[in-house]
Every structure is written in structure tokens, then in C-alpha cells.
Amino acid sequence: MNHNSLSRRDFLKLSGLGLGALALNPFRNAPSLPQFPAGDRLGRIVVTPNYYSTELKPSPNVNVPAIRNVAQDEVVVWQREVVGTEAYSGTSTRWVETPEGFIYAPYVQPVRNLPNTPIASLPAGKQGFWAEVTVPYVDLRLPQGAVPIGEGVKYNLETGQPIRLYYSQVVWIDQVGADANGDILYRFNEAPQHGYGPGDVFYADGAAFRPLTDEDVAPINPDVDPAAKKIVIDATSTRQYLSCFEGNTEVYFCRVSTGFAERFATPLGDQAIAWKIFSLHMAANTGAGSGYDTMAVSWPTFFNTNAGAAVHATFWHNDFGVRRSHGCVNVLPEDAQWIFRWTSPFVSLDQSELRLQWPNVGGPYSTSVVVNETMV
């Protein structure tokens, strides 16, 4: 969850500002984007071991005194990634070099700050559009008087934390309007009829979102026989790799994070793509210490209908190569999008999602997925 200096009282005041129907109840003090650091590549501090901050060091060494602490959601300039000394946790020794010093890379989400010129109205004949967050983060507000549905949203409100979307998340926008200053605001809707959320709606600065285009979801290598495509995932703790094959030729490779414990293990064996959707609210075990509730997880490609396992984008850590998921296969957003586009069946922008029913799962137009694990 997110922590910063905004108090619960202040946040509740902000979330209660006039956020009703855009045309009838204009916004005041609309949520605007922060001033992020200037840089081609940036890094956002994500959840850390103490959930509040991590250390910025003068060298990539866990044992040297820190220059200062960097708070969760602080954005820094990402100069390069380097290899340092022993890890804080797990096995990674990667560090991000910033102008001030070094931060342990698994705690830093690689992001960019690419604000957009918002569109002034919904596309003609459309009930909404899919959009991607292209800034490090954007604050959300509930409509005035709205009762939150999602457990994560409830938790943030109860603990005085902001509700945010982060770089690379994909959402459904179903309303466009302007506030009293003329700034364009989008309404992000987790409507159940779109199949991907509990039903909360939020408002946010439209400049944070880039509408998806047909090119963003166009199939990759569509001329290749779908039956020749196969994903192989090595879930071995010391490897954590994913490879895409066309016949015997590897055409894509990335690091992953699979299930971190026996009860959260990624399902092994021969499987196949069963469900693809642009974005999904993922939640489980919210009453337990190991629970989670995360909105707008982008590019999920489900390959196991019984266990609900998917390859999907991950913005809450940068620790790929280490087991740490609840059974899914965590990958970088750009990897998730590539895999989504390359695998069969194809999902168009108008479709939003596609579910296969048995016996079509595992058929010639359902990409094969093999998850292996060896003892080492």
C-alpha cells in the first residue's frame, strides 16, 4: 500500500470535493499532476521492507551508511543500473545510480514522465476507451459521497493514504469532462460489466493517460502458425526465466517472478492460454497477512483456469529473477504487453478480452504454456 505525508483527514477532505457528474457539478481544485524530476528515465520507489522508505547510499553497498532515506512513491532520476555488493533480500545485487547516490534496484520501478494532451470528449460512437498511465503516478478521487467497494481503496482511505495509479497501468475511461479551471478530467471506471473490477469509479487528471491504439494491441508475428508458438517458463528458484518459441527458435526472453511459497506455487506442467484481458483488478486473501488487492493489473494472459495463474505486468516491484508472486508470473510491463500481443488468441481493442472454453483451451489457436521446475 502507499504511504506519504498526506493525513487521513486531509485526504478525506480532498476526496469529498465536488466530484459528481462532470457537466452538472464542476470540479474545484482538480487533482493535478506533480512536478516530477526532469530526466529521460526515472525511478519510483515502490514497496520496501519497512513499507515506508529505503536508503540512498553513496555506493552500491548494503553496508555503507545511508545518505538519506527515500520515501515510497518518491521519484528519482534513473541514470543507470549497476551491480553492487550483497543483496538486502533475495539474490539480486542490482542497484540504480541516481545523481545523489545508489538505491537498491528491486525497490525502484523504472518509469517515464510522458504527460499527454487529453482528448476533450469520448471518441464518436464509443462508450469509453482503454488508456495507459504514462507518468510515474496520478492521484485518484472518488465521487462525492461514494462508498468504496475495493478492499484496497477502503484500506487507503482508512489509513489516510492517497489512491493512485502508477506508470504502465491500463484502465477503462468512460467519461471525459472539465473542471472549473478548464482542465480535462477522465473518469476511470472499474465497472463489473467490463469484467475487470468491483465497480469503483474515480476521477483523475486526463494528462496522465494515453489512449490505447490498434497498434498497441496488434498481433506480433501473426503469419506464424499459432500451433508453432509456445511459452516455456523456468520456475526454478535460481533461474526464473520465460522464453517464447516459434518452433525451435527462441524469439523472446525475459526474467520473471513466480510463486514464492508452496501454497502460492505457480502451477507446473503443460498448459495453454485460456483468457486474455487488457486489465484486471486482482485480489485474494484480503483478510490475511499475505493478502493483496490491486486495481488495474495490465496485460494478464491466463494460462491456468483452475489456479487462476497468468503472466501479467507488475509495477509494485522490480525484483524479477526472484520468487515473490502469489502464483502468477510477474514480468515487466513491456514484457507483459509483448507476450499478450504475441500469444493466441488475438484480442482486439473493441473486444477488450477473450475467454476460451474447453475444449478450445489447448487447441491450435491457444498458445501452449509449459512451466518447469528442477531441483538445484
Protein backbone atom coordinates (compact mmCIF):
# COMPACT_ATOMS: atom_id res chain seq x y z
CA MET A 1 0.00 0.00 0.00
CA ASN A 2 1.04 3.61 -0.40
CA HIS A 3 2.38 5.86 2.33
CA ASN A 4 3.17 9.56 2.25
CA SER A 5 2.70 12.65 4.37
CA LEU A 6 -0.94 13.25 3.41
CA SER A 7 -3.08 12.84 6.54
CA ARG A 8 -6.30 10.85 6.59
CA ARG A 9 -8.27 14.00 7.43
CA ASP A 10 -6.71 15.97 4.55
CA PHE A 11 -7.18 13.12 2.13
CA LEU A 12 -10.83 12.66 3.05
CA LYS A 13 -11.33 16.39 2.55
CA LEU A 14 -9.79 16.12 -0.91
CA SER A 15 -11.74 13.03 -1.90
CA GLY A 16 -15.01 14.74 -0.92
CA LEU A 17 -14.63 17.72 -3.24
CA GLY A 18 -17.35 18.15 -5.85
CA LEU A 19 -16.76 15.02 -7.91
CA GLY A 20 -20.22 14.35 -9.23
CA ALA A 21 -21.39 14.40 -12.84
CA LEU A 22 -18.88 16.45 -14.78
CA ALA A 23 -21.36 18.63 -16.65
CA LEU A 24 -23.51 19.41 -13.61
CA ASN A 25 -21.04 19.61 -10.76
CA PRO A 26 -17.72 21.10 -11.94
CA PHE A 27 -14.54 20.28 -10.05
CA ARG A 28 -12.73 22.66 -7.77
CA ASN A 29 -9.03 22.26 -7.16
CA ALA A 30 -8.87 19.34 -9.57
CA PRO A 31 -6.17 16.71 -8.87
CA SER A 32 -3.22 17.86 -10.96
CA LEU A 33 0.00 16.04 -11.77
CA PRO A 34 3.03 16.60 -9.50
CA GLN A 35 6.23 18.19 -10.75
CA PHE A 36 8.38 15.13 -11.37
CA PRO A 37 12.16 15.34 -11.80
CA ALA A 38 13.46 16.04 -15.30
CA GLY A 39 15.05 13.03 -16.93
CA ASP A 40 14.61 10.67 -19.85
CA ARG A 41 14.30 7.76 -17.43
CA LEU A 42 13.06 7.94 -13.88
CA GLY A 43 12.55 5.55 -11.00
CA ARG A 44 9.68 5.39 -8.50
CA ILE A 45 10.33 3.98 -5.04
CA VAL A 46 8.00 1.00 -4.53
CA VAL A 47 7.09 -1.14 -1.51
CA THR A 48 10.17 -1.69 0.62
CA PRO A 49 10.90 -3.97 3.59
CA ASN A 50 9.65 -1.44 6.13
CA TYR A 51 6.88 -0.19 3.79
CA TYR A 52 7.83 3.46 4.29
CA SER A 53 11.27 4.19 2.91
CA THR A 54 14.51 2.74 1.69
CA GLU A 55 18.06 4.01 1.80
CA LEU A 56 20.03 6.06 -0.68
CA LYS A 57 23.70 5.07 -0.42
CA PRO A 58 26.93 6.75 -1.53
CA SER A 59 27.98 3.48 -3.22
CA PRO A 60 26.16 0.25 -4.24
CA ASN A 61 26.96 -1.40 -0.94
CA VAL A 62 24.44 -2.52 1.69
CA ASN A 63 26.98 -1.97 4.48
CA VAL A 64 27.83 1.72 3.99
CA PRO A 65 25.89 4.40 5.91
CA ALA A 66 22.96 5.92 4.05
CA ILE A 67 22.96 9.48 2.72
CA ARG A 68 19.25 9.71 3.48
CA ASN A 69 16.03 7.73 3.30
CA VAL A 70 13.86 7.89 0.19
CA ALA A 71 10.12 7.60 0.78
CA GLN A 72 7.73 5.31 -1.02
CA ASP A 73 6.48 6.90 -4.28
CA GLU A 74 9.38 9.38 -4.35
CA VAL A 75 10.56 9.75 -7.95
CA VAL A 76 14.28 9.91 -8.75
CA VAL A 77 16.36 10.29 -11.90
CA TRP A 78 17.49 6.83 -13.10
CA GLN A 79 20.98 7.22 -14.58
CA ARG A 80 21.95 3.58 -14.97
CA GLU A 81 21.76 0.16 -13.35
CA VAL A 82 24.92 -1.27 -11.79
CA VAL A 83 26.00 -4.42 -9.96
CA GLY A 84 26.88 -3.91 -6.32
CA THR A 85 27.62 -5.98 -3.24
CA GLU A 86 25.46 -8.49 -1.43
CA ALA A 87 21.68 -8.18 -1.54
CA TYR A 88 19.30 -6.67 1.01
CA SER A 89 16.98 -9.62 0.40
CA GLY A 90 16.72 -12.45 -2.07
CA THR A 91 19.61 -12.75 -4.50
CA SER A 92 19.65 -9.53 -6.53
CA THR A 93 22.74 -7.33 -6.40
CA ARG A 94 21.38 -4.72 -8.85
CA TRP A 95 21.42 -1.04 -7.89
CA VAL A 96 20.10 2.10 -9.57
CA GLU A 97 22.51 5.01 -9.79
CA THR A 98 20.91 8.44 -9.31
CA PRO A 99 22.51 11.92 -9.21
CA GLU A 100 22.52 11.67 -5.39
CA GLY A 101 23.71 8.10 -4.98
CA PHE A 102 22.53 4.50 -5.25
CA ILE A 103 19.21 2.78 -4.43
CA TYR A 104 18.64 -0.98 -4.34
CA ALA A 105 17.09 -1.75 -7.75
CA PRO A 106 14.35 -4.21 -6.65
CA TYR A 107 12.75 -1.28 -4.78
CA VAL A 108 12.70 1.04 -7.82
CA GLN A 109 10.10 0.83 -10.61
CA PRO A 110 11.55 2.06 -13.93
CA VAL A 111 9.20 4.82 -15.15
CA ARG A 112 8.99 7.77 -17.52
CA ASN A 113 7.16 11.09 -17.30
CA LEU A 114 5.23 11.48 -20.57
CA PRO A 115 2.18 13.68 -19.93
CA ASN A 116 -0.42 13.82 -22.69
CA THR A 117 -2.75 16.34 -24.26
CA PRO A 118 -6.13 14.97 -23.08
CA ILE A 119 -8.96 14.44 -25.53
CA ALA A 120 -11.96 16.72 -24.90
CA SER A 121 -14.67 14.08 -25.36
CA LEU A 122 -15.20 10.37 -25.83
CA PRO A 123 -14.47 9.08 -29.35
CA ALA A 124 -17.56 9.26 -31.57
CA GLY A 125 -19.82 6.27 -31.15
CA LYS A 126 -17.77 4.83 -28.27
CA GLN A 127 -18.87 4.24 -24.66
CA GLY A 128 -15.30 4.68 -23.50
CA PHE A 129 -11.69 3.84 -24.27
CA TRP A 130 -8.74 1.98 -22.80
CA ALA A 131 -5.83 4.14 -21.67
CA GLU A 132 -2.35 3.63 -20.26
CA VAL A 133 -0.78 5.68 -17.45
CA THR A 134 2.33 7.35 -18.88
CA VAL A 135 3.51 9.33 -15.83
CA PRO A 136 5.14 7.99 -12.62
CA TYR A 137 1.81 8.20 -10.78
CA VAL A 138 -1.51 10.03 -10.79
CA ASP A 139 -3.83 10.66 -7.84
CA LEU A 140 -7.44 9.46 -7.99
CA ARG A 141 -10.57 10.78 -6.28
CA LEU A 142 -13.83 9.10 -5.57
CA PRO A 143 -17.08 10.89 -6.47
CA GLN A 144 -18.65 12.90 -3.67
CA GLY A 145 -20.50 10.60 -1.27
CA ALA A 146 -19.29 7.41 -2.98
CA VAL A 147 -18.88 4.33 -0.78
CA PRO A 148 -15.72 2.47 -1.85
CA ILE A 149 -16.06 -1.16 -2.87
CA GLY A 150 -12.50 -2.41 -3.38
CA GLU A 151 -10.70 -3.51 -0.21
CA GLY A 152 -7.51 -1.73 -1.27
CA VAL A 153 -9.37 1.56 -1.70
CA LYS A 154 -11.04 1.12 1.70
CA TYR A 155 -7.67 0.44 3.30
CA ASN A 156 -6.11 3.56 1.81
CA LEU A 157 -8.98 5.73 2.99
CA GLU A 158 -8.92 4.24 6.48
CA THR A 159 -5.17 4.76 6.81
CA GLY A 160 -5.05 8.21 5.21
CA GLN A 161 -3.14 7.20 2.12
CA PRO A 162 -3.73 8.53 -1.39
CA ILE A 163 -5.38 6.38 -4.04
CA ARG A 164 -3.07 6.25 -7.04
CA LEU A 165 -2.47 4.69 -10.39
CA TYR A 166 1.09 4.05 -11.50
CA TYR A 167 3.12 4.11 -14.69
CA SER A 168 2.07 1.36 -17.14
CA GLN A 169 -1.33 0.56 -15.60
CA VAL A 170 -4.19 0.21 -18.12
CA VAL A 171 -7.69 1.43 -17.28
CA TRP A 172 -11.14 1.92 -18.82
CA ILE A 173 -12.16 5.58 -19.24
CA ASP A 174 -15.92 6.09 -19.70
CA GLN A 175 -16.35 9.83 -19.14
CA VAL A 176 -14.47 12.99 -20.11
CA GLY A 177 -15.12 16.48 -18.76
CA ALA A 178 -13.54 19.66 -17.46
CA ASP A 179 -13.13 21.23 -14.03
CA ALA A 180 -13.75 24.88 -13.12
CA ASN A 181 -10.30 25.79 -14.48
CA GLY A 182 -10.94 24.09 -17.80
CA ASP A 183 -8.56 21.18 -17.08
CA ILE A 184 -9.67 17.89 -18.65
CA LEU A 185 -10.52 15.07 -16.23
CA TYR A 186 -11.12 11.43 -17.06
CA ARG A 187 -13.39 9.05 -15.18
CA PHE A 188 -11.75 5.67 -14.60
CA ASN A 189 -14.44 3.02 -14.16
CA GLU A 190 -13.85 -0.46 -12.75
CA ALA A 191 -17.36 -1.45 -13.84
CA PRO A 192 -18.10 -5.18 -13.49
CA GLN A 193 -19.70 -5.22 -16.96
CA HIS A 194 -16.23 -4.71 -18.37
CA GLY A 195 -15.19 -7.82 -16.48
CA TYR A 196 -12.23 -6.38 -14.67
CA GLY A 197 -13.17 -4.65 -11.41
CA PRO A 198 -15.54 -4.45 -8.42
CA GLY A 199 -17.30 -1.27 -9.57
CA ASP A 200 -15.46 1.72 -8.08
CA VAL A 201 -15.19 4.87 -10.19
CA PHE A 202 -12.55 7.58 -9.85
CA TYR A 203 -11.59 10.91 -11.41
CA ALA A 204 -8.07 11.94 -12.42
CA ASP A 205 -6.08 14.40 -14.47
CA GLY A 206 -6.51 13.41 -18.13
CA ALA A 207 -2.91 14.35 -18.91
CA ALA A 208 -1.73 11.19 -17.13
CA PHE A 209 -3.36 8.86 -19.67
CA ARG A 210 -2.61 7.89 -23.26
CA PRO A 211 -5.49 6.21 -25.11
CA LEU A 212 -4.51 2.80 -26.46
CA THR A 213 -4.49 2.41 -30.23
CA ASP A 214 -4.93 -0.59 -32.52
CA GLU A 215 -1.16 -0.62 -32.92
CA ASP A 216 -0.71 -1.15 -29.16
CA VAL A 217 -2.62 -4.45 -29.30
CA ALA A 218 -1.80 -5.58 -32.85
CA PRO A 219 -0.68 -9.23 -33.03
CA ILE A 220 3.06 -9.89 -33.25
CA ASN A 221 4.20 -12.36 -35.91
CA PRO A 222 0.60 -13.24 -36.92
CA ASP A 223 1.82 -15.12 -40.01
CA VAL A 224 3.45 -17.79 -37.83
CA ASP A 225 1.34 -20.92 -37.39
CA PRO A 226 -0.30 -20.45 -33.93
CA ALA A 227 0.36 -24.12 -33.17
CA ALA A 228 4.11 -23.42 -33.53
CA LYS A 229 4.13 -20.83 -30.75
CA LYS A 230 5.00 -21.95 -27.22
CA ILE A 231 5.91 -20.26 -23.94
CA VAL A 232 8.37 -22.05 -21.64
CA ILE A 233 8.68 -20.79 -18.06
CA ASP A 234 11.53 -21.96 -15.85
CA ALA A 235 10.18 -21.57 -12.32
CA THR A 236 13.34 -22.91 -10.68
CA SER A 237 14.27 -20.60 -7.81
CA THR A 238 17.76 -19.88 -9.18
CA ARG A 239 16.61 -19.14 -12.74
CA GLN A 240 13.12 -17.57 -13.09
CA TYR A 241 13.07 -17.21 -16.88
CA LEU A 242 10.42 -17.03 -19.60
CA SER A 243 11.10 -17.84 -23.26
CA CYS A 244 8.81 -17.56 -26.30
CA PHE A 245 9.43 -20.06 -29.08
CA GLU A 246 8.32 -20.26 -32.70
CA GLY A 247 9.10 -23.87 -33.48
CA ASN A 248 12.60 -24.38 -32.08
CA THR A 249 13.59 -20.71 -32.37
CA GLU A 250 13.55 -18.55 -29.26
CA VAL A 251 12.10 -15.16 -30.25
CA TYR A 252 11.72 -13.53 -26.82
CA PHE A 253 13.27 -13.89 -23.37
CA CYS A 254 12.68 -12.14 -20.04
CA ARG A 255 13.16 -12.56 -16.33
CA VAL A 256 10.12 -13.37 -14.20
CA SER A 257 8.96 -13.77 -10.61
CA THR A 258 6.89 -16.90 -9.92
CA GLY A 259 5.13 -18.13 -6.74
CA PHE A 260 7.15 -17.55 -3.58
CA ALA A 261 5.84 -20.35 -1.33
CA GLU A 262 4.35 -23.82 -1.62
CA ARG A 263 0.75 -22.65 -1.22
CA PHE A 264 1.36 -19.87 -3.76
CA ALA A 265 3.35 -22.01 -6.20
CA THR A 266 2.93 -21.35 -9.90
CA PRO A 267 1.18 -24.39 -11.43
CA LEU A 268 3.60 -26.68 -13.24
CA GLY A 269 3.17 -28.73 -16.40
CA ASP A 270 1.72 -28.42 -19.88
CA GLN A 271 -0.96 -25.74 -20.04
CA ALA A 272 -2.40 -23.25 -22.54
CA ILE A 273 -3.79 -19.72 -22.88
CA ALA A 274 -7.37 -19.64 -21.58
CA TRP A 275 -8.19 -15.95 -21.01
CA LYS A 276 -6.73 -12.60 -22.05
CA ILE A 277 -7.93 -9.17 -20.91
CA PHE A 278 -6.29 -5.75 -21.13
CA SER A 279 -6.60 -5.01 -17.42
CA LEU A 280 -7.87 -6.76 -14.30
CA HIS A 281 -8.45 -5.94 -10.62
CA MET A 282 -6.64 -8.74 -8.77
CA ALA A 283 -7.40 -9.55 -5.14
CA ALA A 284 -7.18 -12.54 -2.79
CA ASN A 285 -6.94 -13.29 0.92
CA THR A 286 -7.57 -9.64 1.77
CA GLY A 287 -8.30 -10.54 5.40
CA ALA A 288 -4.99 -12.35 5.81
CA GLY A 289 -1.49 -11.04 6.25
CA SER A 290 -0.47 -12.39 2.85
CA GLY A 291 -3.46 -10.92 1.03
CA TYR A 292 -3.47 -8.35 -1.74
CA ASP A 293 -5.91 -6.09 -3.56
CA THR A 294 -4.54 -4.37 -6.66
CA MET A 295 -6.52 -2.47 -9.28
CA ALA A 296 -5.70 -2.31 -12.98
CA VAL A 297 -3.10 -5.06 -13.37
CA SER A 298 -2.31 -4.75 -17.05
CA TRP A 299 -1.92 -7.33 -19.83
CA PRO A 300 -2.86 -10.52 -17.91
CA THR A 301 -2.55 -13.63 -20.07
CA PHE A 302 -4.12 -16.52 -18.13
CA PHE A 303 -2.76 -19.98 -18.83
CA ASN A 304 -4.30 -21.97 -16.00
CA THR A 305 -8.05 -21.69 -15.41
CA ASN A 306 -8.13 -23.78 -12.23
CA ALA A 307 -5.44 -21.87 -10.33
CA GLY A 308 -6.08 -18.53 -12.00
CA ALA A 309 -2.42 -18.12 -12.94
CA ALA A 310 -1.41 -15.52 -15.51
CA VAL A 311 1.60 -13.79 -16.99
CA HIS A 312 0.98 -10.12 -16.19
CA ALA A 313 2.61 -6.72 -15.81
CA THR A 314 4.00 -5.78 -12.40
CA PHE A 315 4.57 -2.24 -11.14
CA TRP A 316 4.91 -2.92 -7.38
CA HIS A 317 8.42 -4.38 -7.51
CA ASN A 318 11.47 -4.60 -9.75
CA ASP A 319 12.79 -7.86 -8.32
CA PHE A 320 12.47 -10.09 -11.38
CA GLY A 321 14.56 -13.23 -11.18
CA VAL A 322 13.37 -13.89 -7.61
CA ARG A 323 10.28 -15.83 -6.50
CA ARG A 324 7.77 -13.44 -4.96
CA SER A 325 4.33 -13.76 -6.58
CA HIS A 326 1.11 -15.34 -5.30
CA GLY A 327 1.20 -17.91 -8.12
CA CYS A 328 1.12 -15.73 -11.22
CA VAL A 329 4.15 -14.93 -13.36
CA ASN A 330 5.26 -11.33 -12.74
CA VAL A 331 7.05 -9.56 -15.60
CA LEU A 332 7.92 -6.00 -16.59
CA PRO A 333 5.01 -4.16 -18.26
CA GLU A 334 6.73 -4.07 -21.65
CA ASP A 335 7.32 -7.83 -21.45
CA ALA A 336 3.68 -8.46 -20.49
CA GLN A 337 2.39 -6.39 -23.40
CA TRP A 338 4.67 -8.16 -25.89
CA ILE A 339 3.57 -11.59 -24.65
CA PHE A 340 -0.09 -10.50 -24.72
CA ARG A 341 0.23 -9.42 -28.36
CA TRP A 342 2.29 -12.43 -29.48
CA THR A 343 0.14 -15.19 -27.98
CA SER A 344 -3.07 -16.64 -29.43
CA PRO A 345 -5.92 -15.93 -29.36
CA PHE A 346 -5.68 -12.32 -30.54
CA VAL A 347 -7.74 -9.71 -28.63
CA SER A 348 -8.79 -6.56 -30.50
CA LEU A 349 -9.24 -3.13 -28.97
CA ASP A 350 -13.02 -3.42 -29.33
CA GLN A 351 -13.10 -6.89 -27.73
CA SER A 352 -11.16 -5.93 -24.56
CA GLU A 353 -10.99 -9.58 -23.52
CA LEU A 354 -11.40 -13.10 -24.82
CA ARG A 355 -12.13 -16.26 -22.86
CA LEU A 356 -11.77 -19.72 -24.33
CA GLN A 357 -13.95 -22.61 -23.24
CA TRP A 358 -12.97 -26.25 -23.20
CA PRO A 359 -12.08 -27.99 -25.49
CA ASN A 360 -10.72 -24.88 -27.24
CA VAL A 361 -8.15 -24.28 -24.49
CA GLY A 362 -5.05 -26.06 -25.70
CA GLY A 363 -6.37 -26.19 -29.28
CA PRO A 364 -4.46 -24.99 -32.35
CA TYR A 365 -5.31 -21.33 -31.64
CA SER A 366 -4.46 -21.37 -27.94
CA THR A 367 -0.74 -20.84 -27.31
CA SER A 368 0.92 -23.62 -25.35
CA VAL A 369 2.49 -22.76 -21.99
CA VAL A 370 4.91 -25.12 -20.25
CA VAL A 371 6.02 -24.40 -16.68
CA ASN A 372 9.04 -26.39 -15.49
CA GLU A 373 10.92 -26.55 -12.22
CA THR A 374 14.06 -28.51 -11.44
CA MET A 375 15.80 -29.24 -8.17
CA VAL A 376 19.14 -27.45 -7.88
